[in-house]
Amino acid sequence: IGLDAPEVESTRRAGEPWGPEATEFNRDLVGGREVHLEADVTDTDQYGRLLRYVWVDGKMVNAELIRNGMADGRDYPPDVRYSDWFHDLERMARQEQLGIWSR
């Protein structure tokens, strides 16, 4: 919830710049670790995907992706609990030209 990360190549679509890097960054954060999932207002999206904030070792994965320029912050009302924080993190990543903001 609250972010949009670049897509990786699939049989249905071409990949986007930074897609593989964002995927690897996410894998490094959560791979093989126990995660805690935090709900907001909506349980699933229109495609049936579970909507959650993901926590690992006291860090929110959603925020780490945005903070490191691997995703941009997005509002998906009514699930906006951390929206202001996410937008602040995106501003900092843009200023520092991290990840997707380095082009």
PDB file of N, CA and C in Angstrom:
ATOM      1  N   ILE A   1       0.856  -1.185   0.000  1.00  0.00           N
ATOM      2  CA  ILE A   1       0.000   0.000   0.000  1.00  0.00           C
ATOM      3  C   ILE A   1       0.894   1.237   0.000  1.00  0.00           C
ATOM      4  N   GLY A   2       0.470   2.252  -0.716  1.00  0.00           N
ATOM      5  CA  GLY A   2       1.127   3.544  -0.622  1.00  0.00           C
ATOM      6  C   GLY A   2       2.333   3.757  -1.502  1.00  0.00           C
ATOM      7  N   LEU A   3       2.562   2.842  -2.438  1.00  0.00           N
ATOM      8  CA  LEU A   3       3.722   3.015  -3.313  1.00  0.00           C
ATOM      9  C   LEU A   3       3.463   2.398  -4.668  1.00  0.00           C
ATOM     10  N   ASP A   4       4.284   2.803  -5.610  1.00  0.00           N
ATOM     11  CA  ASP A   4       4.276   2.197  -6.935  1.00  0.00           C
ATOM     12  C   ASP A   4       5.729   1.950  -7.312  1.00  0.00           C
ATOM     13  N   ALA A   5       6.085   0.693  -7.468  1.00  0.00           N
ATOM     14  CA  ALA A   5       7.456   0.313  -7.824  1.00  0.00           C
ATOM     15  C   ALA A   5       7.494  -0.047  -9.309  1.00  0.00           C
ATOM     16  N   PRO A   6       8.646   0.120  -9.941  1.00  0.00           N
ATOM     17  CA  PRO A   6       8.773  -0.234 -11.353  1.00  0.00           C
ATOM     18  C   PRO A   6       8.508  -1.723 -11.577  1.00  0.00           C
ATOM     19  N   GLU A   7       7.878  -2.012 -12.690  1.00  0.00           N
ATOM     20  CA  GLU A   7       7.534  -3.392 -13.048  1.00  0.00           C
ATOM     21  C   GLU A   7       8.749  -4.113 -13.636  1.00  0.00           C
ATOM     22  N   VAL A   8       8.794  -5.423 -13.407  1.00  0.00           N
ATOM     23  CA  VAL A   8       9.807  -6.247 -14.060  1.00  0.00           C
ATOM     24  C   VAL A   8       9.168  -6.873 -15.296  1.00  0.00           C
ATOM     25  N   GLU A   9      10.007  -7.317 -16.199  1.00  0.00           N
ATOM     26  CA  GLU A   9       9.513  -7.935 -17.424  1.00  0.00           C
ATOM     27  C   GLU A   9       8.744  -9.200 -17.095  1.00  0.00           C
ATOM     28  N   SER A  10       7.648  -9.415 -17.807  1.00  0.00           N
ATOM     29  CA  SER A  10       6.866 -10.640 -17.650  1.00  0.00           C
ATOM     30  C   SER A  10       6.377 -11.059 -19.032  1.00  0.00           C
ATOM     31  N   THR A  11       5.675 -12.162 -19.085  1.00  0.00           N
ATOM     32  CA  THR A  11       5.135 -12.611 -20.367  1.00  0.00           C
ATOM     33  C   THR A  11       4.037 -11.673 -20.854  1.00  0.00           C
ATOM     34  N   ARG A  12       3.468 -10.868 -19.961  1.00  0.00           N
ATOM     35  CA  ARG A  12       2.383  -9.957 -20.325  1.00  0.00           C
ATOM     36  C   ARG A  12       2.831  -8.534 -20.603  1.00  0.00           C
ATOM     37  N   ARG A  13       4.010  -8.150 -20.141  1.00  0.00           N
ATOM     38  CA  ARG A  13       4.433  -6.756 -20.334  1.00  0.00           C
ATOM     39  C   ARG A  13       5.946  -6.631 -20.292  1.00  0.00           C
ATOM     40  N   ALA A  14       6.401  -5.542 -20.899  1.00  0.00           N
ATOM     41  CA  ALA A  14       7.830  -5.230 -20.869  1.00  0.00           C
ATOM     42  C   ALA A  14       8.185  -4.690 -19.491  1.00  0.00           C
ATOM     43  N   GLY A  15       9.418  -4.864 -19.119  1.00  0.00           N
ATOM     44  CA  GLY A  15       9.872  -4.330 -17.847  1.00  0.00           C
ATOM     45  C   GLY A  15      10.086  -2.830 -17.926  1.00  0.00           C
ATOM     46  N   GLU A  16      10.179  -2.206 -16.768  1.00  0.00           N
ATOM     47  CA  GLU A  16      10.428  -0.775 -16.675  1.00  0.00           C
ATOM     48  C   GLU A  16      11.826  -0.548 -16.109  1.00  0.00           C
ATOM     49  N   PRO A  17      12.425   0.613 -16.415  1.00  0.00           N
ATOM     50  CA  PRO A  17      13.716   0.920 -15.804  1.00  0.00           C
ATOM     51  C   PRO A  17      13.623   0.812 -14.284  1.00  0.00           C
ATOM     52  N   TRP A  18      14.633   0.242 -13.696  1.00  0.00           N
ATOM     53  CA  TRP A  18      14.757   0.036 -12.252  1.00  0.00           C
ATOM     54  C   TRP A  18      13.878  -1.100 -11.713  1.00  0.00           C
ATOM     55  N   GLY A  19      13.128  -1.776 -12.564  1.00  0.00           N
ATOM     56  CA  GLY A  19      12.313  -2.900 -12.104  1.00  0.00           C
ATOM     57  C   GLY A  19      13.126  -4.009 -11.454  1.00  0.00           C
ATOM     58  N   PRO A  20      14.172  -4.508 -12.128  1.00  0.00           N
ATOM     59  CA  PRO A  20      14.983  -5.572 -11.514  1.00  0.00           C
ATOM     60  C   PRO A  20      15.671  -5.116 -10.225  1.00  0.00           C
ATOM     61  N   GLU A  21      16.139  -3.872 -10.200  1.00  0.00           N
ATOM     62  CA  GLU A  21      16.813  -3.354  -8.999  1.00  0.00           C
ATOM     63  C   GLU A  21      15.840  -3.241  -7.827  1.00  0.00           C
ATOM     64  N   ALA A  22      14.624  -2.772  -8.100  1.00  0.00           N
ATOM     65  CA  ALA A  22      13.621  -2.659  -7.043  1.00  0.00           C
ATOM     66  C   ALA A  22      13.228  -4.039  -6.515  1.00  0.00           C
ATOM     67  N   THR A  23      13.111  -4.994  -7.419  1.00  0.00           N
ATOM     68  CA  THR A  23      12.774  -6.363  -7.018  1.00  0.00           C
ATOM     69  C   THR A  23      13.869  -6.945  -6.130  1.00  0.00           C
ATOM     70  N   GLU A  24      15.108  -6.766  -6.530  1.00  0.00           N
ATOM     71  CA  GLU A  24      16.238  -7.281  -5.749  1.00  0.00           C
ATOM     72  C   GLU A  24      16.326  -6.593  -4.385  1.00  0.00           C
ATOM     73  N   PHE A  25      16.103  -5.281  -4.364  1.00  0.00           N
ATOM     74  CA  PHE A  25      16.132  -4.529  -3.107  1.00  0.00           C
ATOM     75  C   PHE A  25      15.062  -5.067  -2.154  1.00  0.00           C
ATOM     76  N   ASN A  26      13.866  -5.301  -2.682  1.00  0.00           N
ATOM     77  CA  ASN A  26      12.785  -5.853  -1.869  1.00  0.00           C
ATOM     78  C   ASN A  26      13.139  -7.254  -1.377  1.00  0.00           C
ATOM     79  N   ARG A  27      13.697  -8.067  -2.256  1.00  0.00           N
ATOM     80  CA  ARG A  27      14.095  -9.433  -1.891  1.00  0.00           C
ATOM     81  C   ARG A  27      15.122  -9.402  -0.758  1.00  0.00           C
ATOM     82  N   ASP A  28      16.064  -8.470  -0.837  1.00  0.00           N
ATOM     83  CA  ASP A  28      17.074  -8.349   0.215  1.00  0.00           C
ATOM     84  C   ASP A  28      16.449  -7.966   1.554  1.00  0.00           C
ATOM     85  N   LEU A  29      15.379  -7.181   1.516  1.00  0.00           N
ATOM     86  CA  LEU A  29      14.716  -6.771   2.755  1.00  0.00           C
ATOM     87  C   LEU A  29      13.906  -7.890   3.397  1.00  0.00           C
ATOM     88  N   VAL A  30      13.205  -8.673   2.585  1.00  0.00           N
ATOM     89  CA  VAL A  30      12.252  -9.631   3.146  1.00  0.00           C
ATOM     90  C   VAL A  30      12.627 -11.098   2.972  1.00  0.00           C
ATOM     91  N   GLY A  31      13.533 -11.399   2.061  1.00  0.00           N
ATOM     92  CA  GLY A  31      13.843 -12.790   1.746  1.00  0.00           C
ATOM     93  C   GLY A  31      14.258 -13.609   2.954  1.00  0.00           C
ATOM     94  N   GLY A  32      13.541 -14.694   3.188  1.00  0.00           N
ATOM     95  CA  GLY A  32      13.871 -15.606   4.270  1.00  0.00           C
ATOM     96  C   GLY A  32      13.581 -15.078   5.663  1.00  0.00           C
ATOM     97  N   ARG A  33      12.918 -13.945   5.763  1.00  0.00           N
ATOM     98  CA  ARG A  33      12.629 -13.354   7.071  1.00  0.00           C
ATOM     99  C   ARG A  33      11.142 -13.442   7.393  1.00  0.00           C
ATOM    100  N   GLU A  34      10.848 -13.412   8.657  1.00  0.00           N
ATOM    101  CA  GLU A  34       9.458 -13.348   9.093  1.00  0.00           C
ATOM    102  C   GLU A  34       8.979 -11.909   8.948  1.00  0.00           C
ATOM    103  N   VAL A  35       7.832 -11.736   8.321  1.00  0.00           N
ATOM    104  CA  VAL A  35       7.273 -10.399   8.128  1.00  0.00           C
ATOM    105  C   VAL A  35       5.996 -10.246   8.937  1.00  0.00           C
ATOM    106  N   HIS A  36       5.717  -9.014   9.301  1.00  0.00           N
ATOM    107  CA  HIS A  36       4.461  -8.670   9.963  1.00  0.00           C
ATOM    108  C   HIS A  36       3.676  -7.830   8.970  1.00  0.00           C
ATOM    109  N   LEU A  37       2.411  -8.161   8.769  1.00  0.00           N
ATOM    110  CA  LEU A  37       1.563  -7.439   7.829  1.00  0.00           C
ATOM    111  C   LEU A  37       0.568  -6.575   8.588  1.00  0.00           C
ATOM    112  N   GLU A  38       0.506  -5.305   8.206  1.00  0.00           N
ATOM    113  CA  GLU A  38      -0.390  -4.346   8.850  1.00  0.00           C
ATOM    114  C   GLU A  38      -1.445  -3.893   7.840  1.00  0.00           C
ATOM    115  N   ALA A  39      -2.699  -4.053   8.194  1.00  0.00           N
ATOM    116  CA  ALA A  39      -3.801  -3.628   7.331  1.00  0.00           C
ATOM    117  C   ALA A  39      -4.077  -2.140   7.520  1.00  0.00           C
ATOM    118  N   ASP A  40      -4.706  -1.551   6.523  1.00  0.00           N
ATOM    119  CA  ASP A  40      -5.237  -0.189   6.630  1.00  0.00           C
ATOM    120  C   ASP A  40      -6.751  -0.336   6.565  1.00  0.00           C
ATOM    121  N   VAL A  41      -7.419   0.315   5.655  1.00  0.00           N
ATOM    122  CA  VAL A  41      -8.881   0.258   5.579  1.00  0.00           C
ATOM    123  C   VAL A  41      -9.351  -0.883   4.679  1.00  0.00           C
ATOM    124  N   THR A  42      -8.756  -0.992   3.500  1.00  0.00           N
ATOM    125  CA  THR A  42      -9.190  -1.950   2.483  1.00  0.00           C
ATOM    126  C   THR A  42      -8.412  -3.249   2.617  1.00  0.00           C
ATOM    127  N   ASP A  43      -9.105  -4.375   2.472  1.00  0.00           N
ATOM    128  CA  ASP A  43      -8.440  -5.667   2.601  1.00  0.00           C
ATOM    129  C   ASP A  43      -7.719  -6.083   1.326  1.00  0.00           C
ATOM    130  N   THR A  44      -8.397  -5.959   0.180  1.00  0.00           N
ATOM    131  CA  THR A  44      -7.811  -6.332  -1.106  1.00  0.00           C
ATOM    132  C   THR A  44      -8.136  -5.269  -2.148  1.00  0.00           C
ATOM    133  N   ASP A  45      -7.355  -5.282  -3.242  1.00  0.00           N
ATOM    134  CA  ASP A  45      -7.639  -4.344  -4.325  1.00  0.00           C
ATOM    135  C   ASP A  45      -8.573  -4.992  -5.350  1.00  0.00           C
ATOM    136  N   GLN A  46      -8.820  -4.288  -6.443  1.00  0.00           N
ATOM    137  CA  GLN A  46      -9.756  -4.776  -7.463  1.00  0.00           C
ATOM    138  C   GLN A  46      -9.288  -6.057  -8.142  1.00  0.00           C
ATOM    139  N   TYR A  47      -8.001  -6.387  -8.005  1.00  0.00           N
ATOM    140  CA  TYR A  47      -7.457  -7.604  -8.607  1.00  0.00           C
ATOM    141  C   TYR A  47      -7.346  -8.749  -7.597  1.00  0.00           C
ATOM    142  N   GLY A  48      -7.833  -8.508  -6.381  1.00  0.00           N
ATOM    143  CA  GLY A  48      -7.791  -9.532  -5.343  1.00  0.00           C
ATOM    144  C   GLY A  48      -6.481  -9.607  -4.591  1.00  0.00           C
ATOM    145  N   ARG A  49      -5.577  -8.641  -4.826  1.00  0.00           N
ATOM    146  CA  ARG A  49      -4.278  -8.645  -4.128  1.00  0.00           C
ATOM    147  C   ARG A  49      -4.449  -8.116  -2.711  1.00  0.00           C
ATOM    148  N   LEU A  50      -3.814  -8.788  -1.767  1.00  0.00           N
ATOM    149  CA  LEU A  50      -3.834  -8.389  -0.370  1.00  0.00           C
ATOM    150  C   LEU A  50      -3.120  -7.042  -0.214  1.00  0.00           C
ATOM    151  N   LEU A  51      -3.749  -6.085   0.434  1.00  0.00           N
ATOM    152  CA  LEU A  51      -3.172  -4.760   0.636  1.00  0.00           C
ATOM    153  C   LEU A  51      -2.678  -4.655   2.072  1.00  0.00           C
ATOM    154  N   ARG A  52      -1.359  -4.493   2.220  1.00  0.00           N
ATOM    155  CA  ARG A  52      -0.759  -4.446   3.552  1.00  0.00           C
ATOM    156  C   ARG A  52       0.492  -3.571   3.556  1.00  0.00           C
ATOM    157  N   TYR A  53       0.799  -3.059   4.744  1.00  0.00           N
ATOM    158  CA  TYR A  53       2.107  -2.481   5.019  1.00  0.00           C
ATOM    159  C   TYR A  53       2.925  -3.651   5.546  1.00  0.00           C
ATOM    160  N   VAL A  54       4.170  -3.754   5.117  1.00  0.00           N
ATOM    161  CA  VAL A  54       5.012  -4.902   5.448  1.00  0.00           C
ATOM    162  C   VAL A  54       6.129  -4.449   6.377  1.00  0.00           C
ATOM    163  N   TRP A  55       6.257  -5.134   7.504  1.00  0.00           N
ATOM    164  CA  TRP A  55       7.285  -4.819   8.499  1.00  0.00           C
ATOM    165  C   TRP A  55       8.234  -5.998   8.650  1.00  0.00           C
ATOM    166  N   VAL A  56       9.534  -5.713   8.722  1.00  0.00           N
ATOM    167  CA  VAL A  56      10.572  -6.720   8.964  1.00  0.00           C
ATOM    168  C   VAL A  56      11.578  -6.110   9.929  1.00  0.00           C
ATOM    169  N   ASP A  57      11.825  -6.796  11.025  1.00  0.00           N
ATOM    170  CA  ASP A  57      12.823  -6.341  12.004  1.00  0.00           C
ATOM    171  C   ASP A  57      12.632  -4.876  12.400  1.00  0.00           C
ATOM    172  N   GLY A  58      11.380  -4.484  12.594  1.00  0.00           N
ATOM    173  CA  GLY A  58      11.077  -3.129  13.039  1.00  0.00           C
ATOM    174  C   GLY A  58      11.124  -2.059  11.957  1.00  0.00           C
ATOM    175  N   LYS A  59      11.377  -2.449  10.709  1.00  0.00           N
ATOM    176  CA  LYS A  59      11.403  -1.499   9.593  1.00  0.00           C
ATOM    177  C   LYS A  59      10.225  -1.767   8.672  1.00  0.00           C
ATOM    178  N   MET A  60       9.602  -0.681   8.180  1.00  0.00           N
ATOM    179  CA  MET A  60       8.528  -0.851   7.218  1.00  0.00           C
ATOM    180  C   MET A  60       9.131  -0.943   5.820  1.00  0.00           C
ATOM    181  N   VAL A  61       8.890  -2.053   5.162  1.00  0.00           N
ATOM    182  CA  VAL A  61       9.435  -2.306   3.835  1.00  0.00           C
ATOM    183  C   VAL A  61       8.920  -1.277   2.833  1.00  0.00           C
ATOM    184  N   ASN A  62       7.638  -0.938   2.897  1.00  0.00           N
ATOM    185  CA  ASN A  62       7.062   0.053   1.983  1.00  0.00           C
ATOM    186  C   ASN A  62       7.873   1.344   2.054  1.00  0.00           C
ATOM    187  N   ALA A  63       8.154   1.808   3.268  1.00  0.00           N
ATOM    188  CA  ALA A  63       8.897   3.056   3.474  1.00  0.00           C
ATOM    189  C   ALA A  63      10.331   2.926   2.987  1.00  0.00           C
ATOM    190  N   GLU A  64      10.975   1.789   3.227  1.00  0.00           N
ATOM    191  CA  GLU A  64      12.365   1.589   2.803  1.00  0.00           C
ATOM    192  C   GLU A  64      12.489   1.621   1.281  1.00  0.00           C
ATOM    193  N   LEU A  65      11.524   1.051   0.590  1.00  0.00           N
ATOM    194  CA  LEU A  65      11.535   1.097  -0.873  1.00  0.00           C
ATOM    195  C   LEU A  65      11.463   2.537  -1.360  1.00  0.00           C
ATOM    196  N   ILE A  66      10.591   3.332  -0.770  1.00  0.00           N
ATOM    197  CA  ILE A  66      10.441   4.733  -1.164  1.00  0.00           C
ATOM    198  C   ILE A  66      11.674   5.530  -0.762  1.00  0.00           C
ATOM    199  N   ARG A  67      12.152   5.350   0.458  1.00  0.00           N
ATOM    200  CA  ARG A  67      13.306   6.083   0.976  1.00  0.00           C
ATOM    201  C   ARG A  67      14.550   5.884   0.108  1.00  0.00           C
ATOM    202  N   ASN A  68      14.679   4.707  -0.480  1.00  0.00           N
ATOM    203  CA  ASN A  68      15.860   4.376  -1.279  1.00  0.00           C
ATOM    204  C   ASN A  68      15.647   4.549  -2.784  1.00  0.00           C
ATOM    205  N   GLY A  69      14.555   5.183  -3.153  1.00  0.00           N
ATOM    206  CA  GLY A  69      14.303   5.461  -4.567  1.00  0.00           C
ATOM    207  C   GLY A  69      13.939   4.246  -5.394  1.00  0.00           C
ATOM    208  N   MET A  70      13.411   3.215  -4.760  1.00  0.00           N
ATOM    209  CA  MET A  70      13.010   2.012  -5.479  1.00  0.00           C
ATOM    210  C   MET A  70      11.514   2.005  -5.780  1.00  0.00           C
ATOM    211  N   ALA A  71      10.813   3.044  -5.337  1.00  0.00           N
ATOM    212  CA  ALA A  71       9.376   3.203  -5.593  1.00  0.00           C
ATOM    213  C   ALA A  71       9.014   4.654  -5.303  1.00  0.00           C
ATOM    214  N   ASP A  72       7.885   5.069  -5.851  1.00  0.00           N
ATOM    215  CA  ASP A  72       7.405   6.400  -5.496  1.00  0.00           C
ATOM    216  C   ASP A  72       6.172   6.253  -4.609  1.00  0.00           C
ATOM    217  N   GLY A  73       5.946   7.259  -3.774  1.00  0.00           N
ATOM    218  CA  GLY A  73       4.792   7.248  -2.889  1.00  0.00           C
ATOM    219  C   GLY A  73       3.526   7.536  -3.670  1.00  0.00           C
ATOM    220  N   ARG A  74       2.479   6.778  -3.401  1.00  0.00           N
ATOM    221  CA  ARG A  74       1.194   6.960  -4.082  1.00  0.00           C
ATOM    222  C   ARG A  74       0.062   6.892  -3.071  1.00  0.00           C
ATOM    223  N   ASP A  75      -0.921   7.714  -3.298  1.00  0.00           N
ATOM    224  CA  ASP A  75      -2.128   7.672  -2.466  1.00  0.00           C
ATOM    225  C   ASP A  75      -3.151   6.750  -3.122  1.00  0.00           C
ATOM    226  N   TYR A  76      -3.652   5.813  -2.330  1.00  0.00           N
ATOM    227  CA  TYR A  76      -4.707   4.922  -2.775  1.00  0.00           C
ATOM    228  C   TYR A  76      -5.827   4.971  -1.734  1.00  0.00           C
ATOM    229  N   PRO A  77      -6.598   6.086  -1.724  1.00  0.00           N
ATOM    230  CA  PRO A  77      -7.664   6.215  -0.734  1.00  0.00           C
ATOM    231  C   PRO A  77      -8.601   5.018  -0.789  1.00  0.00           C
ATOM    232  N   PRO A  78      -9.082   4.587   0.344  1.00  0.00           N
ATOM    233  CA  PRO A  78      -8.970   5.215   1.660  1.00  0.00           C
ATOM    234  C   PRO A  78      -7.742   4.765   2.461  1.00  0.00           C
ATOM    235  N   ASP A  79      -6.821   4.033   1.836  1.00  0.00           N
ATOM    236  CA  ASP A  79      -5.654   3.478   2.538  1.00  0.00           C
ATOM    237  C   ASP A  79      -4.504   4.485   2.532  1.00  0.00           C
ATOM    238  N   VAL A  80      -4.584   5.466   3.407  1.00  0.00           N
ATOM    239  CA  VAL A  80      -3.628   6.582   3.384  1.00  0.00           C
ATOM    240  C   VAL A  80      -3.000   6.856   4.757  1.00  0.00           C
ATOM    241  N   ARG A  81      -2.976   5.871   5.623  1.00  0.00           N
ATOM    242  CA  ARG A  81      -2.458   6.052   6.981  1.00  0.00           C
ATOM    243  C   ARG A  81      -1.059   6.675   7.007  1.00  0.00           C
ATOM    244  N   TYR A  82      -0.175   6.253   6.120  1.00  0.00           N
ATOM    245  CA  TYR A  82       1.211   6.717   6.123  1.00  0.00           C
ATOM    246  C   TYR A  82       1.537   7.636   4.934  1.00  0.00           C
ATOM    247  N   SER A  83       0.523   8.152   4.274  1.00  0.00           N
ATOM    248  CA  SER A  83       0.709   8.958   3.062  1.00  0.00           C
ATOM    249  C   SER A  83       1.676  10.120   3.232  1.00  0.00           C
ATOM    250  N   ASP A  84       1.498  10.908   4.264  1.00  0.00           N
ATOM    251  CA  ASP A  84       2.365  12.073   4.460  1.00  0.00           C
ATOM    252  C   ASP A  84       3.821  11.635   4.631  1.00  0.00           C
ATOM    253  N   TRP A  85       4.040  10.607   5.428  1.00  0.00           N
ATOM    254  CA  TRP A  85       5.387  10.070   5.644  1.00  0.00           C
ATOM    255  C   TRP A  85       5.983   9.598   4.326  1.00  0.00           C
ATOM    256  N   PHE A  86       5.226   8.841   3.537  1.00  0.00           N
ATOM    257  CA  PHE A  86       5.717   8.325   2.270  1.00  0.00           C
ATOM    258  C   PHE A  86       6.091   9.458   1.315  1.00  0.00           C
ATOM    259  N   HIS A  87       5.283  10.501   1.271  1.00  0.00           N
ATOM    260  CA  HIS A  87       5.587  11.629   0.382  1.00  0.00           C
ATOM    261  C   HIS A  87       6.839  12.375   0.847  1.00  0.00           C
ATOM    262  N   ASP A  88       7.037  12.474   2.155  1.00  0.00           N
ATOM    263  CA  ASP A  88       8.275  13.077   2.677  1.00  0.00           C
ATOM    264  C   ASP A  88       9.494  12.243   2.276  1.00  0.00           C
ATOM    265  N   LEU A  89       9.380  10.931   2.374  1.00  0.00           N
ATOM    266  CA  LEU A  89      10.480  10.045   1.993  1.00  0.00           C
ATOM    267  C   LEU A  89      10.785  10.163   0.504  1.00  0.00           C
ATOM    268  N   GLU A  90       9.736  10.272  -0.306  1.00  0.00           N
ATOM    269  CA  GLU A  90       9.953  10.421  -1.745  1.00  0.00           C
ATOM    270  C   GLU A  90      10.664  11.739  -2.052  1.00  0.00           C
ATOM    271  N   ARG A  91      10.268  12.806  -1.386  1.00  0.00           N
ATOM    272  CA  ARG A  91      10.925  14.104  -1.600  1.00  0.00           C
ATOM    273  C   ARG A  91      12.425  14.008  -1.304  1.00  0.00           C
ATOM    274  N   MET A  92      12.760  13.326  -0.214  1.00  0.00           N
ATOM    275  CA  MET A  92      14.172  13.165   0.144  1.00  0.00           C
ATOM    276  C   MET A  92      14.912  12.322  -0.889  1.00  0.00           C
ATOM    277  N   ALA A  93      14.306  11.239  -1.347  1.00  0.00           N
ATOM    278  CA  ALA A  93      14.946  10.382  -2.355  1.00  0.00           C
ATOM    279  C   ALA A  93      15.146  11.150  -3.659  1.00  0.00           C
ATOM    280  N   ARG A  94      14.176  11.977  -4.014  1.00  0.00           N
ATOM    281  CA  ARG A  94      14.310  12.803  -5.232  1.00  0.00           C
ATOM    282  C   ARG A  94      15.464  13.795  -5.070  1.00  0.00           C
ATOM    283  N   GLN A  95      15.520  14.454  -3.915  1.00  0.00           N
ATOM    284  CA  GLN A  95      16.584  15.436  -3.675  1.00  0.00           C
ATOM    285  C   GLN A  95      17.958  14.791  -3.733  1.00  0.00           C
ATOM    286  N   GLU A  96      18.051  13.571  -3.218  1.00  0.00           N
ATOM    287  CA  GLU A  96      19.324  12.862  -3.207  1.00  0.00           C
ATOM    288  C   GLU A  96      19.567  12.078  -4.503  1.00  0.00           C
ATOM    289  N   GLN A  97      18.601  12.144  -5.405  1.00  0.00           N
ATOM    290  CA  GLN A  97      18.679  11.459  -6.710  1.00  0.00           C
ATOM    291  C   GLN A  97      18.996   9.972  -6.558  1.00  0.00           C
ATOM    292  N   LEU A  98      18.221   9.317  -5.717  1.00  0.00           N
ATOM    293  CA  LEU A  98      18.409   7.892  -5.465  1.00  0.00           C
ATOM    294  C   LEU A  98      17.537   7.057  -6.397  1.00  0.00           C
ATOM    295  N   GLY A  99      18.038   5.903  -6.801  1.00  0.00           N
ATOM    296  CA  GLY A  99      17.259   4.935  -7.562  1.00  0.00           C
ATOM    297  C   GLY A  99      16.561   5.522  -8.770  1.00  0.00           C
ATOM    298  N   ILE A 100      15.246   5.387  -8.811  1.00  0.00           N
ATOM    299  CA  ILE A 100      14.472   5.842  -9.961  1.00  0.00           C
ATOM    300  C   ILE A 100      14.593   7.340 -10.196  1.00  0.00           C
ATOM    301  N   TRP A 101      15.055   8.079  -9.218  1.00  0.00           N
ATOM    302  CA  TRP A 101      15.193   9.530  -9.337  1.00  0.00           C
ATOM    303  C   TRP A 101      16.599   9.926  -9.803  1.00  0.00           C
ATOM    304  N   SER A 102      17.439   8.953 -10.134  1.00  0.00           N
ATOM    305  CA  SER A 102      18.817   9.265 -10.516  1.00  0.00           C
ATOM    306  C   SER A 102      18.979   9.577 -12.003  1.00  0.00           C
ATOM    307  N   ARG A 103      17.941   9.372 -12.783  1.00  0.00           N
ATOM    308  CA  ARG A 103      18.074   9.615 -14.219  1.00  0.00           C
ATOM    309  C   ARG A 103      18.117  11.076 -14.560  1.00  0.00           C
TER     310      ARG A 103
END
